[in-house]
Amino acid sequence: MAMRKLSSTNYHNQTFLEDKCTLNELIHLLSKRWLTDVLFSIEEGNSRFSSLKEVLKYISDNILADRLKLLEQHKLIVRNENVREVPARVEYSLTKTGERLSELLDGMCKFSENEMEFPA
């Protein structure tokens, strides 16, 4: 992914909001396209790159790899590699933090379905 220009107004605004409250940083992370879908798919048992690609059929390989890295960097998933197999078998699973976030997001999904009205 492209690096953000550090002198831009958008960068300064985002930094200000993230410094003000870490919720803003979490919302920024979750707003990345496909991120929550990847998280939910791993929770549903799609633990391999190929199974994630199969379930999320419109996601590109680059975006999926990027989202997996982001989730791992934020300690929401863990990457398990079995080097005894050739080629090495890589599987992803949610951490306790990832499980907790998934529960919260599920509640937010239910809230948006039942309580929110979105203009057509």
C-alpha atoms as a PDB file:
ATOM      1  CA  MET A   1       0.000   0.000   0.000  1.00  0.00           C
ATOM      2  CA  ALA A   2       1.120   3.543  -0.717  1.00  0.00           C
ATOM      3  CA  MET A   3       2.577   5.565   2.109  1.00  0.00           C
ATOM      4  CA  ARG A   4       0.599   8.612   3.162  1.00  0.00           C
ATOM      5  CA  LYS A   5       2.148  12.043   2.602  1.00  0.00           C
ATOM      6  CA  LEU A   6       3.215  13.177   6.088  1.00  0.00           C
ATOM      7  CA  SER A   7       2.664  16.862   5.357  1.00  0.00           C
ATOM      8  CA  SER A   8      -0.932  16.500   4.154  1.00  0.00           C
ATOM      9  CA  THR A   9      -3.902  17.969   5.978  1.00  0.00           C
ATOM     10  CA  ASN A  10      -5.590  14.561   5.993  1.00  0.00           C
ATOM     11  CA  TYR A  11      -2.569  13.052   7.728  1.00  0.00           C
ATOM     12  CA  HIS A  12      -2.550  15.782  10.384  1.00  0.00           C
ATOM     13  CA  ASN A  13      -6.310  15.453  10.936  1.00  0.00           C
ATOM     14  CA  GLN A  14      -6.081  11.664  11.293  1.00  0.00           C
ATOM     15  CA  THR A  15      -3.114  11.920  13.667  1.00  0.00           C
ATOM     16  CA  PHE A  16      -4.957  14.472  15.792  1.00  0.00           C
ATOM     17  CA  LEU A  17      -8.030  12.248  16.039  1.00  0.00           C
ATOM     18  CA  GLU A  18      -5.989   9.128  16.824  1.00  0.00           C
ATOM     19  CA  ASP A  19      -4.049  10.965  19.544  1.00  0.00           C
ATOM     20  CA  LYS A  20      -7.291  12.302  21.014  1.00  0.00           C
ATOM     21  CA  CYS A  21      -8.913   8.867  21.416  1.00  0.00           C
ATOM     22  CA  THR A  22      -7.720   5.390  20.445  1.00  0.00           C
ATOM     23  CA  LEU A  23     -11.262   4.573  19.296  1.00  0.00           C
ATOM     24  CA  ASN A  24     -10.585   6.814  16.297  1.00  0.00           C
ATOM     25  CA  GLU A  25      -7.565   4.673  15.443  1.00  0.00           C
ATOM     26  CA  LEU A  26      -9.639   1.493  15.724  1.00  0.00           C
ATOM     27  CA  ILE A  27     -12.390   2.951  13.530  1.00  0.00           C
ATOM     28  CA  HIS A  28      -9.775   3.967  10.958  1.00  0.00           C
ATOM     29  CA  LEU A  29      -8.386   0.408  10.959  1.00  0.00           C
ATOM     30  CA  LEU A  30     -11.844  -1.183  10.690  1.00  0.00           C
ATOM     31  CA  SER A  31     -12.827   1.152   7.848  1.00  0.00           C
ATOM     32  CA  LYS A  32     -10.292  -0.466   5.540  1.00  0.00           C
ATOM     33  CA  ARG A  33     -12.158  -2.350   2.836  1.00  0.00           C
ATOM     34  CA  TRP A  34     -12.380  -6.114   3.464  1.00  0.00           C
ATOM     35  CA  LEU A  35     -10.777  -5.989   6.922  1.00  0.00           C
ATOM     36  CA  THR A  36     -13.866  -6.961   8.927  1.00  0.00           C
ATOM     37  CA  ASP A  37     -14.849  -9.542   6.299  1.00  0.00           C
ATOM     38  CA  VAL A  38     -11.430 -11.182   6.622  1.00  0.00           C
ATOM     39  CA  LEU A  39     -11.710 -11.128  10.429  1.00  0.00           C
ATOM     40  CA  PHE A  40     -15.196 -12.686  10.384  1.00  0.00           C
ATOM     41  CA  SER A  41     -14.139 -15.295   7.807  1.00  0.00           C
ATOM     42  CA  ILE A  42     -11.246 -16.427   9.988  1.00  0.00           C
ATOM     43  CA  GLU A  43     -13.621 -16.626  12.938  1.00  0.00           C
ATOM     44  CA  GLU A  44     -15.920 -18.842  10.831  1.00  0.00           C
ATOM     45  CA  GLY A  45     -13.072 -21.317  10.310  1.00  0.00           C
ATOM     46  CA  ASN A  46     -11.535 -20.173   7.035  1.00  0.00           C
ATOM     47  CA  SER A  47      -7.993 -20.374   8.329  1.00  0.00           C
ATOM     48  CA  ARG A  48      -5.974 -20.615   5.109  1.00  0.00           C
ATOM     49  CA  PHE A  49      -5.269 -18.002   2.447  1.00  0.00           C
ATOM     50  CA  SER A  50      -6.895 -20.169  -0.229  1.00  0.00           C
ATOM     51  CA  SER A  51     -10.091 -20.702   1.776  1.00  0.00           C
ATOM     52  CA  LEU A  52     -10.308 -16.983   2.515  1.00  0.00           C
ATOM     53  CA  LYS A  53      -9.915 -16.266  -1.206  1.00  0.00           C
ATOM     54  CA  GLU A  54     -12.664 -18.767  -1.980  1.00  0.00           C
ATOM     55  CA  VAL A  55     -15.139 -17.232   0.475  1.00  0.00           C
ATOM     56  CA  LEU A  56     -14.222 -13.611  -0.330  1.00  0.00           C
ATOM     57  CA  LYS A  57     -14.250 -14.187  -4.070  1.00  0.00           C
ATOM     58  CA  TYR A  58     -13.827 -10.543  -5.141  1.00  0.00           C
ATOM     59  CA  ILE A  59     -10.829  -9.722  -2.930  1.00  0.00           C
ATOM     60  CA  SER A  60      -7.463  -9.465  -4.680  1.00  0.00           C
ATOM     61  CA  ASP A  61      -4.447 -11.429  -3.474  1.00  0.00           C
ATOM     62  CA  ASN A  62      -2.621  -8.185  -2.631  1.00  0.00           C
ATOM     63  CA  ILE A  63      -5.452  -6.783  -0.536  1.00  0.00           C
ATOM     64  CA  LEU A  64      -6.000 -10.084   1.281  1.00  0.00           C
ATOM     65  CA  ALA A  65      -2.280 -10.335   2.094  1.00  0.00           C
ATOM     66  CA  ASP A  66      -2.281  -6.705   3.282  1.00  0.00           C
ATOM     67  CA  ARG A  67      -5.346  -7.180   5.486  1.00  0.00           C
ATOM     68  CA  LEU A  68      -3.882 -10.338   7.032  1.00  0.00           C
ATOM     69  CA  LYS A  69      -0.682  -8.408   7.821  1.00  0.00           C
ATOM     70  CA  LEU A  70      -2.667  -5.549   9.388  1.00  0.00           C
ATOM     71  CA  LEU A  71      -4.708  -7.946  11.534  1.00  0.00           C
ATOM     72  CA  GLU A  72      -1.511  -9.695  12.616  1.00  0.00           C
ATOM     73  CA  GLN A  73       0.298  -6.396  13.370  1.00  0.00           C
ATOM     74  CA  HIS A  74      -2.599  -5.329  15.590  1.00  0.00           C
ATOM     75  CA  LYS A  75      -2.544  -8.733  17.322  1.00  0.00           C
ATOM     76  CA  LEU A  76      -6.078  -9.594  16.232  1.00  0.00           C
ATOM     77  CA  ILE A  77      -4.958 -12.777  14.461  1.00  0.00           C
ATOM     78  CA  VAL A  78      -1.976 -15.080  14.753  1.00  0.00           C
ATOM     79  CA  ARG A  79      -0.172 -16.676  11.807  1.00  0.00           C
ATOM     80  CA  ASN A  80       0.677 -20.333  12.439  1.00  0.00           C
ATOM     81  CA  GLU A  81       3.175 -21.940  10.105  1.00  0.00           C
ATOM     82  CA  ASN A  82       3.736 -25.694   9.980  1.00  0.00           C
ATOM     83  CA  VAL A  83       7.238 -25.987   8.538  1.00  0.00           C
ATOM     84  CA  ARG A  84       7.141 -29.787   8.664  1.00  0.00           C
ATOM     85  CA  GLU A  85       4.963 -29.757   5.560  1.00  0.00           C
ATOM     86  CA  VAL A  86       6.382 -28.922   2.140  1.00  0.00           C
ATOM     87  CA  PRO A  87       5.374 -26.332   1.166  1.00  0.00           C
ATOM     88  CA  ALA A  88       4.866 -24.915   4.655  1.00  0.00           C
ATOM     89  CA  ARG A  89       1.203 -24.842   5.703  1.00  0.00           C
ATOM     90  CA  VAL A  90       0.105 -21.421   6.969  1.00  0.00           C
ATOM     91  CA  GLU A  91      -3.086 -21.039   8.983  1.00  0.00           C
ATOM     92  CA  TYR A  92      -4.585 -18.017  10.686  1.00  0.00           C
ATOM     93  CA  SER A  93      -6.612 -17.898  13.877  1.00  0.00           C
ATOM     94  CA  LEU A  94      -8.096 -15.188  16.056  1.00  0.00           C
ATOM     95  CA  THR A  95      -6.325 -14.112  19.203  1.00  0.00           C
ATOM     96  CA  LYS A  96      -8.340 -13.476  22.378  1.00  0.00           C
ATOM     97  CA  THR A  97      -8.341  -9.793  21.417  1.00  0.00           C
ATOM     98  CA  GLY A  98      -9.575 -10.689  17.926  1.00  0.00           C
ATOM     99  CA  GLU A  99     -12.355 -12.829  19.409  1.00  0.00           C
ATOM    100  CA  ARG A 100     -13.426  -9.974  21.685  1.00  0.00           C
ATOM    101  CA  LEU A 101     -13.408  -7.473  18.817  1.00  0.00           C
ATOM    102  CA  SER A 102     -15.405  -9.882  16.660  1.00  0.00           C
ATOM    103  CA  GLU A 103     -18.040 -10.137  19.412  1.00  0.00           C
ATOM    104  CA  LEU A 104     -18.258  -6.353  19.622  1.00  0.00           C
ATOM    105  CA  LEU A 105     -18.523  -6.023  15.838  1.00  0.00           C
ATOM    106  CA  ASP A 106     -21.233  -8.680  15.739  1.00  0.00           C
ATOM    107  CA  GLY A 107     -23.207  -6.607  18.244  1.00  0.00           C
ATOM    108  CA  MET A 108     -22.691  -3.523  16.102  1.00  0.00           C
ATOM    109  CA  CYS A 109     -23.911  -5.435  13.019  1.00  0.00           C
ATOM    110  CA  LYS A 110     -27.078  -6.436  14.881  1.00  0.00           C
ATOM    111  CA  PHE A 111     -27.540  -2.862  16.069  1.00  0.00           C
ATOM    112  CA  SER A 112     -27.200  -1.497  12.524  1.00  0.00           C
ATOM    113  CA  GLU A 113     -29.643  -4.092  11.161  1.00  0.00           C
ATOM    114  CA  ASN A 114     -32.266  -3.550  13.875  1.00  0.00           C
ATOM    115  CA  GLU A 115     -31.910   0.073  14.961  1.00  0.00           C
ATOM    116  CA  MET A 116     -30.475   2.124  12.127  1.00  0.00           C
ATOM    117  CA  GLU A 117     -32.289   3.575   9.166  1.00  0.00           C
ATOM    118  CA  PHE A 118     -30.140   4.251   6.142  1.00  0.00           C
ATOM    119  CA  PRO A 119     -31.409   6.434   3.297  1.00  0.00           C
ATOM    120  CA  ALA A 120     -31.973   4.584   0.027  1.00  0.00           C
END
